[in-house]
Amino acid sequence: MKQIIIAIDGFSSTGKSTVAKQLAKHLGYIYVDSGAMYRAVTWFAMQNHFIKSDCFHIQDLISSLYQITISFKFNEALGFAEVYLNGKNIERQIRTLEVSSFVSQVAEISEVREMLVKQQQKMGESRGIVMDGRDIGTVVFPDAELKLFMTASAETRAVRRYEELISRSEDVSFSDVLKNVQERDYIDSHREDSPLIKAEDAIEIDNSCLSLEEQFNKILQLVENKLKECN
């Protein structure tokens, strides 16, 4: 059976990664969390003091991009691939609110996007891949057989993100999480290089009122329909 590329774009905390992991596992496809790659670069910038709350040394980061190697290694116990930066597992470190507060600024940098898009396109050369992010269906894989665009209200997404952070014992307030979601929405949608937009041929999924099971079943039906068309 011919394999396809499934591109999932959308706003932060819309469950893109969750459903992408489910689909990849169900189909036996490779899953790539492109957002984690931008988070990895952001964490690298923070560790090297290139970015702080009051300053951002963009040129220093750009000059250091050659030092960055990002990879994914499947964790059987967890059931998904974790992110490694230069051979170090940083899956937990990149999921903090602090990293979230800077990642959209890092993702605006054209040199960062160019480097990561090349890596992402290389990963999809053999098809059979599910990738989620902000510009997968518009820039990374404009020829993807199935494109989805995930959305939900900012408040709904903030609740999900807040509960996720609290479950990991993060010391955060809901107001800070909501502010972060709204700020990321604005930056992601208004950046000059590859802004977050819905591809013309993408199918929009508003999951504000959908359970994880309902969401998965709805999207799986779309995948199965597309596979029938392609085979």
C-alpha atoms as a PDB file:
ATOM      1  CA  MET A   1       0.000   0.000   0.000  1.00  0.00           C
ATOM      2  CA  LYS A   2       1.293   3.437  -0.936  1.00  0.00           C
ATOM      3  CA  GLN A   3       2.270   5.542   2.045  1.00  0.00           C
ATOM      4  CA  ILE A   4       1.408   9.225   2.328  1.00  0.00           C
ATOM      5  CA  ILE A   5       2.511  12.357   4.138  1.00  0.00           C
ATOM      6  CA  ILE A   6       0.094  13.707   6.740  1.00  0.00           C
ATOM      7  CA  ALA A   7       0.731  17.380   7.564  1.00  0.00           C
ATOM      8  CA  ILE A   8      -0.903  18.739  10.701  1.00  0.00           C
ATOM      9  CA  ASP A   9      -0.753  22.475  11.354  1.00  0.00           C
ATOM     10  CA  GLY A  10      -2.483  24.683  13.879  1.00  0.00           C
ATOM     11  CA  PHE A  11      -2.237  26.919  16.894  1.00  0.00           C
ATOM     12  CA  SER A  12      -0.411  25.976  20.081  1.00  0.00           C
ATOM     13  CA  SER A  13      -2.071  23.484  22.439  1.00  0.00           C
ATOM     14  CA  THR A  14      -4.623  22.284  19.889  1.00  0.00           C
ATOM     15  CA  GLY A  15      -3.580  18.673  20.386  1.00  0.00           C
ATOM     16  CA  LYS A  16      -1.572  18.426  17.169  1.00  0.00           C
ATOM     17  CA  SER A  17       1.145  16.303  18.710  1.00  0.00           C
ATOM     18  CA  THR A  18      -1.302  14.031  20.520  1.00  0.00           C
ATOM     19  CA  VAL A  19      -3.272  13.069  17.431  1.00  0.00           C
ATOM     20  CA  ALA A  20      -0.116  12.926  15.287  1.00  0.00           C
ATOM     21  CA  LYS A  21       1.406  10.385  17.675  1.00  0.00           C
ATOM     22  CA  GLN A  22      -1.814   8.362  17.660  1.00  0.00           C
ATOM     23  CA  LEU A  23      -1.954   8.306  13.869  1.00  0.00           C
ATOM     24  CA  ALA A  24       1.706   7.417  13.457  1.00  0.00           C
ATOM     25  CA  LYS A  25       1.393   4.529  15.899  1.00  0.00           C
ATOM     26  CA  HIS A  26      -1.823   3.266  14.281  1.00  0.00           C
ATOM     27  CA  LEU A  27      -0.429   3.470  10.744  1.00  0.00           C
ATOM     28  CA  GLY A  28       3.124   2.411  11.518  1.00  0.00           C
ATOM     29  CA  TYR A  29       4.374   5.769  10.223  1.00  0.00           C
ATOM     30  CA  ILE A  30       7.235   7.945  11.459  1.00  0.00           C
ATOM     31  CA  TYR A  31       6.141  10.805  13.727  1.00  0.00           C
ATOM     32  CA  VAL A  32       8.030  14.099  13.774  1.00  0.00           C
ATOM     33  CA  ASP A  33       7.176  16.919  16.178  1.00  0.00           C
ATOM     34  CA  SER A  34       8.541  19.924  14.268  1.00  0.00           C
ATOM     35  CA  GLY A  35       7.615  22.226  17.144  1.00  0.00           C
ATOM     36  CA  ALA A  36       9.965  20.267  19.382  1.00  0.00           C
ATOM     37  CA  MET A  37      12.783  21.085  16.972  1.00  0.00           C
ATOM     38  CA  TYR A  38      12.141  24.820  17.414  1.00  0.00           C
ATOM     39  CA  ARG A  39      11.904  24.288  21.158  1.00  0.00           C
ATOM     40  CA  ALA A  40      15.271  22.520  21.065  1.00  0.00           C
ATOM     41  CA  VAL A  41      16.877  25.497  19.329  1.00  0.00           C
ATOM     42  CA  THR A  42      15.212  27.795  21.860  1.00  0.00           C
ATOM     43  CA  TRP A  43      16.544  25.757  24.786  1.00  0.00           C
ATOM     44  CA  PHE A  44      20.010  25.859  23.176  1.00  0.00           C
ATOM     45  CA  ALA A  45      19.739  29.654  22.944  1.00  0.00           C
ATOM     46  CA  MET A  46      18.684  29.891  26.585  1.00  0.00           C
ATOM     47  CA  GLN A  47      21.497  27.630  27.775  1.00  0.00           C
ATOM     48  CA  ASN A  48      24.006  29.797  25.932  1.00  0.00           C
ATOM     49  CA  HIS A  49      22.450  33.017  27.256  1.00  0.00           C
ATOM     50  CA  PHE A  50      21.542  34.221  23.767  1.00  0.00           C
ATOM     51  CA  ILE A  51      17.970  34.898  24.819  1.00  0.00           C
ATOM     52  CA  LYS A  52      16.619  36.268  28.093  1.00  0.00           C
ATOM     53  CA  SER A  53      13.552  38.184  29.206  1.00  0.00           C
ATOM     54  CA  ASP A  54      15.234  41.514  28.450  1.00  0.00           C
ATOM     55  CA  CYS A  55      17.447  40.738  25.447  1.00  0.00           C
ATOM     56  CA  PHE A  56      17.917  38.482  22.437  1.00  0.00           C
ATOM     57  CA  HIS A  57      21.322  38.155  20.776  1.00  0.00           C
ATOM     58  CA  ILE A  58      20.010  36.938  17.449  1.00  0.00           C
ATOM     59  CA  GLN A  59      23.270  37.075  15.531  1.00  0.00           C
ATOM     60  CA  ASP A  60      25.024  35.027  18.230  1.00  0.00           C
ATOM     61  CA  LEU A  61      22.387  32.324  17.828  1.00  0.00           C
ATOM     62  CA  ILE A  62      22.606  32.396  14.024  1.00  0.00           C
ATOM     63  CA  SER A  63      26.401  32.094  14.198  1.00  0.00           C
ATOM     64  CA  SER A  64      26.035  29.050  16.475  1.00  0.00           C
ATOM     65  CA  LEU A  65      23.447  27.092  14.460  1.00  0.00           C
ATOM     66  CA  TYR A  66      26.180  24.868  13.017  1.00  0.00           C
ATOM     67  CA  GLN A  67      26.662  23.476  16.533  1.00  0.00           C
ATOM     68  CA  ILE A  68      23.107  22.157  16.698  1.00  0.00           C
ATOM     69  CA  THR A  69      22.183  18.570  15.873  1.00  0.00           C
ATOM     70  CA  ILE A  70      18.597  17.531  16.599  1.00  0.00           C
ATOM     71  CA  SER A  71      17.402  13.944  16.525  1.00  0.00           C
ATOM     72  CA  PHE A  72      14.463  11.830  17.667  1.00  0.00           C
ATOM     73  CA  LYS A  73      14.769   8.479  19.447  1.00  0.00           C
ATOM     74  CA  PHE A  74      11.766   6.244  20.035  1.00  0.00           C
ATOM     75  CA  ASN A  75      11.053   5.485  23.698  1.00  0.00           C
ATOM     76  CA  GLU A  76       9.201   2.178  23.862  1.00  0.00           C
ATOM     77  CA  ALA A  77       8.070   2.785  27.440  1.00  0.00           C
ATOM     78  CA  LEU A  78       6.428   6.084  26.490  1.00  0.00           C
ATOM     79  CA  GLY A  79       5.312   5.035  23.022  1.00  0.00           C
ATOM     80  CA  PHE A  80       6.727   8.051  21.186  1.00  0.00           C
ATOM     81  CA  ALA A  81      10.022   9.560  20.057  1.00  0.00           C
ATOM     82  CA  GLU A  82      11.826  11.932  22.403  1.00  0.00           C
ATOM     83  CA  VAL A  83      13.937  14.909  21.352  1.00  0.00           C
ATOM     84  CA  TYR A  84      17.715  14.890  21.591  1.00  0.00           C
ATOM     85  CA  LEU A  85      19.979  17.909  21.229  1.00  0.00           C
ATOM     86  CA  ASN A  86      23.574  17.015  20.433  1.00  0.00           C
ATOM     87  CA  GLY A  87      22.994  13.540  21.830  1.00  0.00           C
ATOM     88  CA  LYS A  88      21.302  14.691  25.063  1.00  0.00           C
ATOM     89  CA  ASN A  89      17.663  13.906  25.856  1.00  0.00           C
ATOM     90  CA  ILE A  90      15.962  17.272  26.447  1.00  0.00           C
ATOM     91  CA  GLU A  91      12.328  16.177  26.109  1.00  0.00           C
ATOM     92  CA  ARG A  92      11.352  17.416  29.580  1.00  0.00           C
ATOM     93  CA  GLN A  93      13.433  20.600  29.464  1.00  0.00           C
ATOM     94  CA  ILE A  94      11.805  21.913  26.282  1.00  0.00           C
ATOM     95  CA  ARG A  95       8.227  21.552  27.564  1.00  0.00           C
ATOM     96  CA  THR A  96       8.415  24.280  30.216  1.00  0.00           C
ATOM     97  CA  LEU A  97       6.482  27.552  30.116  1.00  0.00           C
ATOM     98  CA  GLU A  98       9.803  29.432  30.021  1.00  0.00           C
ATOM     99  CA  VAL A  99      10.768  27.764  26.739  1.00  0.00           C
ATOM    100  CA  SER A 100       7.231  28.361  25.455  1.00  0.00           C
ATOM    101  CA  SER A 101       7.594  32.066  26.173  1.00  0.00           C
ATOM    102  CA  PHE A 102      10.607  32.352  23.842  1.00  0.00           C
ATOM    103  CA  VAL A 103      10.011  29.756  21.126  1.00  0.00           C
ATOM    104  CA  SER A 104       7.901  31.938  18.817  1.00  0.00           C
ATOM    105  CA  GLN A 105      10.645  34.594  18.790  1.00  0.00           C
ATOM    106  CA  VAL A 106      13.227  31.988  17.820  1.00  0.00           C
ATOM    107  CA  ALA A 107      10.908  30.535  15.176  1.00  0.00           C
ATOM    108  CA  GLU A 108      10.698  33.969  13.513  1.00  0.00           C
ATOM    109  CA  ILE A 109      14.367  33.814  12.519  1.00  0.00           C
ATOM    110  CA  SER A 110      14.702  32.917   8.839  1.00  0.00           C
ATOM    111  CA  GLU A 111      18.046  31.174   9.295  1.00  0.00           C
ATOM    112  CA  VAL A 112      16.593  28.908  11.983  1.00  0.00           C
ATOM    113  CA  ARG A 113      13.577  28.065   9.846  1.00  0.00           C
ATOM    114  CA  GLU A 114      15.734  27.370   6.783  1.00  0.00           C
ATOM    115  CA  MET A 115      17.931  24.958   8.737  1.00  0.00           C
ATOM    116  CA  LEU A 116      15.025  23.048  10.294  1.00  0.00           C
ATOM    117  CA  VAL A 117      12.852  22.939   7.164  1.00  0.00           C
ATOM    118  CA  LYS A 118      15.705  21.257   5.276  1.00  0.00           C
ATOM    119  CA  GLN A 119      15.985  18.637   8.036  1.00  0.00           C
ATOM    120  CA  GLN A 120      12.213  18.099   8.056  1.00  0.00           C
ATOM    121  CA  GLN A 121      11.982  17.686   4.284  1.00  0.00           C
ATOM    122  CA  LYS A 122      14.806  15.148   4.413  1.00  0.00           C
ATOM    123  CA  MET A 123      12.801  13.128   6.954  1.00  0.00           C
ATOM    124  CA  GLY A 124       9.816  12.937   4.613  1.00  0.00           C
ATOM    125  CA  GLU A 125      11.588  11.830   1.445  1.00  0.00           C
ATOM    126  CA  SER A 126      10.294   8.259   1.764  1.00  0.00           C
ATOM    127  CA  ARG A 127       6.714   9.312   2.690  1.00  0.00           C
ATOM    128  CA  GLY A 128       5.023   7.375   5.501  1.00  0.00           C
ATOM    129  CA  ILE A 129       5.340  10.292   7.901  1.00  0.00           C
ATOM    130  CA  VAL A 130       3.093  12.317  10.202  1.00  0.00           C
ATOM    131  CA  MET A 131       4.471  15.756  11.022  1.00  0.00           C
ATOM    132  CA  ASP A 132       2.873  18.554  13.006  1.00  0.00           C
ATOM    133  CA  GLY A 133       3.794  22.197  13.346  1.00  0.00           C
ATOM    134  CA  ARG A 134       2.954  25.657  12.023  1.00  0.00           C
ATOM    135  CA  ASP A 135       4.008  25.538   8.362  1.00  0.00           C
ATOM    136  CA  ILE A 136       4.046  21.844   7.467  1.00  0.00           C
ATOM    137  CA  GLY A 137       1.280  21.953   4.860  1.00  0.00           C
ATOM    138  CA  THR A 138       2.301  25.342   3.446  1.00  0.00           C
ATOM    139  CA  VAL A 139       6.119  25.264   3.415  1.00  0.00           C
ATOM    140  CA  VAL A 140       7.636  21.941   4.492  1.00  0.00           C
ATOM    141  CA  PHE A 141       5.325  19.592   2.574  1.00  0.00           C
ATOM    142  CA  PRO A 142       3.105  21.644   0.233  1.00  0.00           C
ATOM    143  CA  ASP A 143       2.515  18.409  -1.730  1.00  0.00           C
ATOM    144  CA  ALA A 144       1.339  16.399   1.296  1.00  0.00           C
ATOM    145  CA  GLU A 145      -1.542  14.088   0.427  1.00  0.00           C
ATOM    146  CA  LEU A 146      -3.498  15.030   3.569  1.00  0.00           C
ATOM    147  CA  LYS A 147      -3.343  18.388   5.311  1.00  0.00           C
ATOM    148  CA  LEU A 148      -5.143  19.173   8.560  1.00  0.00           C
ATOM    149  CA  PHE A 149      -5.479  22.492  10.376  1.00  0.00           C
ATOM    150  CA  MET A 150      -6.221  22.214  14.100  1.00  0.00           C
ATOM    151  CA  THR A 151      -7.950  24.989  15.998  1.00  0.00           C
ATOM    152  CA  ALA A 152      -9.759  25.704  19.284  1.00  0.00           C
ATOM    153  CA  SER A 153     -10.500  28.799  21.382  1.00  0.00           C
ATOM    154  CA  ALA A 154      -7.574  30.391  23.207  1.00  0.00           C
ATOM    155  CA  GLU A 155      -9.281  29.763  26.558  1.00  0.00           C
ATOM    156  CA  THR A 156      -9.803  26.062  25.806  1.00  0.00           C
ATOM    157  CA  ARG A 157      -6.185  25.690  24.763  1.00  0.00           C
ATOM    158  CA  ALA A 158      -4.932  27.558  27.831  1.00  0.00           C
ATOM    159  CA  VAL A 159      -6.854  25.179  30.115  1.00  0.00           C
ATOM    160  CA  ARG A 160      -5.251  22.183  28.392  1.00  0.00           C
ATOM    161  CA  ARG A 161      -1.779  23.688  28.609  1.00  0.00           C
ATOM    162  CA  TYR A 162      -2.251  24.716  32.248  1.00  0.00           C
ATOM    163  CA  GLU A 163      -3.384  21.225  33.252  1.00  0.00           C
ATOM    164  CA  GLU A 164      -0.446  19.694  31.402  1.00  0.00           C
ATOM    165  CA  LEU A 165       2.064  21.932  33.195  1.00  0.00           C
ATOM    166  CA  ILE A 166       0.456  21.382  36.592  1.00  0.00           C
ATOM    167  CA  SER A 167       0.598  17.616  36.047  1.00  0.00           C
ATOM    168  CA  ARG A 168       4.365  18.005  35.651  1.00  0.00           C
ATOM    169  CA  SER A 169       4.553  20.000  38.913  1.00  0.00           C
ATOM    170  CA  GLU A 170       5.300  23.286  37.138  1.00  0.00           C
ATOM    171  CA  ASP A 171       4.634  26.392  39.254  1.00  0.00           C
ATOM    172  CA  VAL A 172       2.433  28.412  36.882  1.00  0.00           C
ATOM    173  CA  SER A 173      -0.751  30.466  36.963  1.00  0.00           C
ATOM    174  CA  PHE A 174      -3.613  30.116  34.513  1.00  0.00           C
ATOM    175  CA  SER A 175      -3.435  33.824  33.623  1.00  0.00           C
ATOM    176  CA  ASP A 176       0.218  33.471  32.633  1.00  0.00           C
ATOM    177  CA  VAL A 177      -0.553  30.415  30.504  1.00  0.00           C
ATOM    178  CA  LEU A 178      -3.448  32.171  28.747  1.00  0.00           C
ATOM    179  CA  LYS A 179      -1.268  35.218  28.076  1.00  0.00           C
ATOM    180  CA  ASN A 180       1.437  32.969  26.631  1.00  0.00           C
ATOM    181  CA  VAL A 181      -1.059  31.213  24.332  1.00  0.00           C
ATOM    182  CA  GLN A 182      -2.423  34.540  23.055  1.00  0.00           C
ATOM    183  CA  GLU A 183       1.043  36.025  22.521  1.00  0.00           C
ATOM    184  CA  ARG A 184       2.230  32.944  20.636  1.00  0.00           C
ATOM    185  CA  ASP A 185      -0.875  33.034  18.451  1.00  0.00           C
ATOM    186  CA  TYR A 186      -0.121  36.609  17.454  1.00  0.00           C
ATOM    187  CA  ILE A 187       3.581  36.078  16.778  1.00  0.00           C
ATOM    188  CA  ASP A 188       3.027  32.819  14.884  1.00  0.00           C
ATOM    189  CA  SER A 189       0.348  34.402  12.682  1.00  0.00           C
ATOM    190  CA  HIS A 190       2.164  37.667  11.982  1.00  0.00           C
ATOM    191  CA  ARG A 191       5.801  36.678  11.419  1.00  0.00           C
ATOM    192  CA  GLU A 192       7.199  37.560   7.986  1.00  0.00           C
ATOM    193  CA  ASP A 193       8.780  34.154   7.322  1.00  0.00           C
ATOM    194  CA  SER A 194       6.296  31.255   7.010  1.00  0.00           C
ATOM    195  CA  PRO A 195       3.453  32.632   9.165  1.00  0.00           C
ATOM    196  CA  LEU A 196       0.872  30.242  10.561  1.00  0.00           C
ATOM    197  CA  ILE A 197      -1.907  30.104   7.964  1.00  0.00           C
ATOM    198  CA  LYS A 198      -4.302  27.428   6.842  1.00  0.00           C
ATOM    199  CA  ALA A 199      -3.277  25.817   3.553  1.00  0.00           C
ATOM    200  CA  GLU A 200      -5.950  26.209   0.884  1.00  0.00           C
ATOM    201  CA  ASP A 201      -6.420  22.441   0.666  1.00  0.00           C
ATOM    202  CA  ALA A 202      -6.266  21.770   4.418  1.00  0.00           C
ATOM    203  CA  ILE A 203      -9.223  20.363   6.328  1.00  0.00           C
ATOM    204  CA  GLU A 204     -10.002  22.410   9.446  1.00  0.00           C
ATOM    205  CA  ILE A 205     -10.638  20.536  12.695  1.00  0.00           C
ATOM    206  CA  ASP A 206     -12.087  22.552  15.588  1.00  0.00           C
ATOM    207  CA  ASN A 207     -11.621  20.289  18.596  1.00  0.00           C
ATOM    208  CA  SER A 208     -12.923  22.689  21.264  1.00  0.00           C
ATOM    209  CA  CYS A 209     -15.728  20.261  22.072  1.00  0.00           C
ATOM    210  CA  LEU A 210     -14.177  16.968  20.973  1.00  0.00           C
ATOM    211  CA  SER A 211     -12.779  14.292  23.273  1.00  0.00           C
ATOM    212  CA  LEU A 212      -9.420  12.760  22.320  1.00  0.00           C
ATOM    213  CA  GLU A 213     -11.217   9.629  21.140  1.00  0.00           C
ATOM    214  CA  GLU A 214     -13.725  11.592  19.055  1.00  0.00           C
ATOM    215  CA  GLN A 215     -10.931  13.638  17.525  1.00  0.00           C
ATOM    216  CA  PHE A 216      -8.854  10.585  16.662  1.00  0.00           C
ATOM    217  CA  ASN A 217     -11.766   8.710  15.088  1.00  0.00           C
ATOM    218  CA  LYS A 218     -12.780  11.731  13.019  1.00  0.00           C
ATOM    219  CA  ILE A 219      -9.258  12.252  11.695  1.00  0.00           C
ATOM    220  CA  LEU A 220      -8.600   8.544  11.181  1.00  0.00           C
ATOM    221  CA  GLN A 221     -11.635   8.399   8.890  1.00  0.00           C
ATOM    222  CA  LEU A 222     -10.135  11.240   6.835  1.00  0.00           C
ATOM    223  CA  VAL A 223      -6.838   9.351   6.639  1.00  0.00           C
ATOM    224  CA  GLU A 224      -8.512   6.116   5.567  1.00  0.00           C
ATOM    225  CA  ASN A 225     -10.489   7.947   2.881  1.00  0.00           C
ATOM    226  CA  LYS A 226      -7.299   9.529   1.556  1.00  0.00           C
ATOM    227  CA  LEU A 227      -5.457   6.188   1.541  1.00  0.00           C
ATOM    228  CA  LYS A 228      -8.258   4.677  -0.553  1.00  0.00           C
ATOM    229  CA  GLU A 229      -7.905   7.529  -3.046  1.00  0.00           C
ATOM    230  CA  CYS A 230      -4.144   7.055  -3.309  1.00  0.00           C
ATOM    231  CA  ASN A 231      -4.144   3.260  -3.716  1.00  0.00           C
END
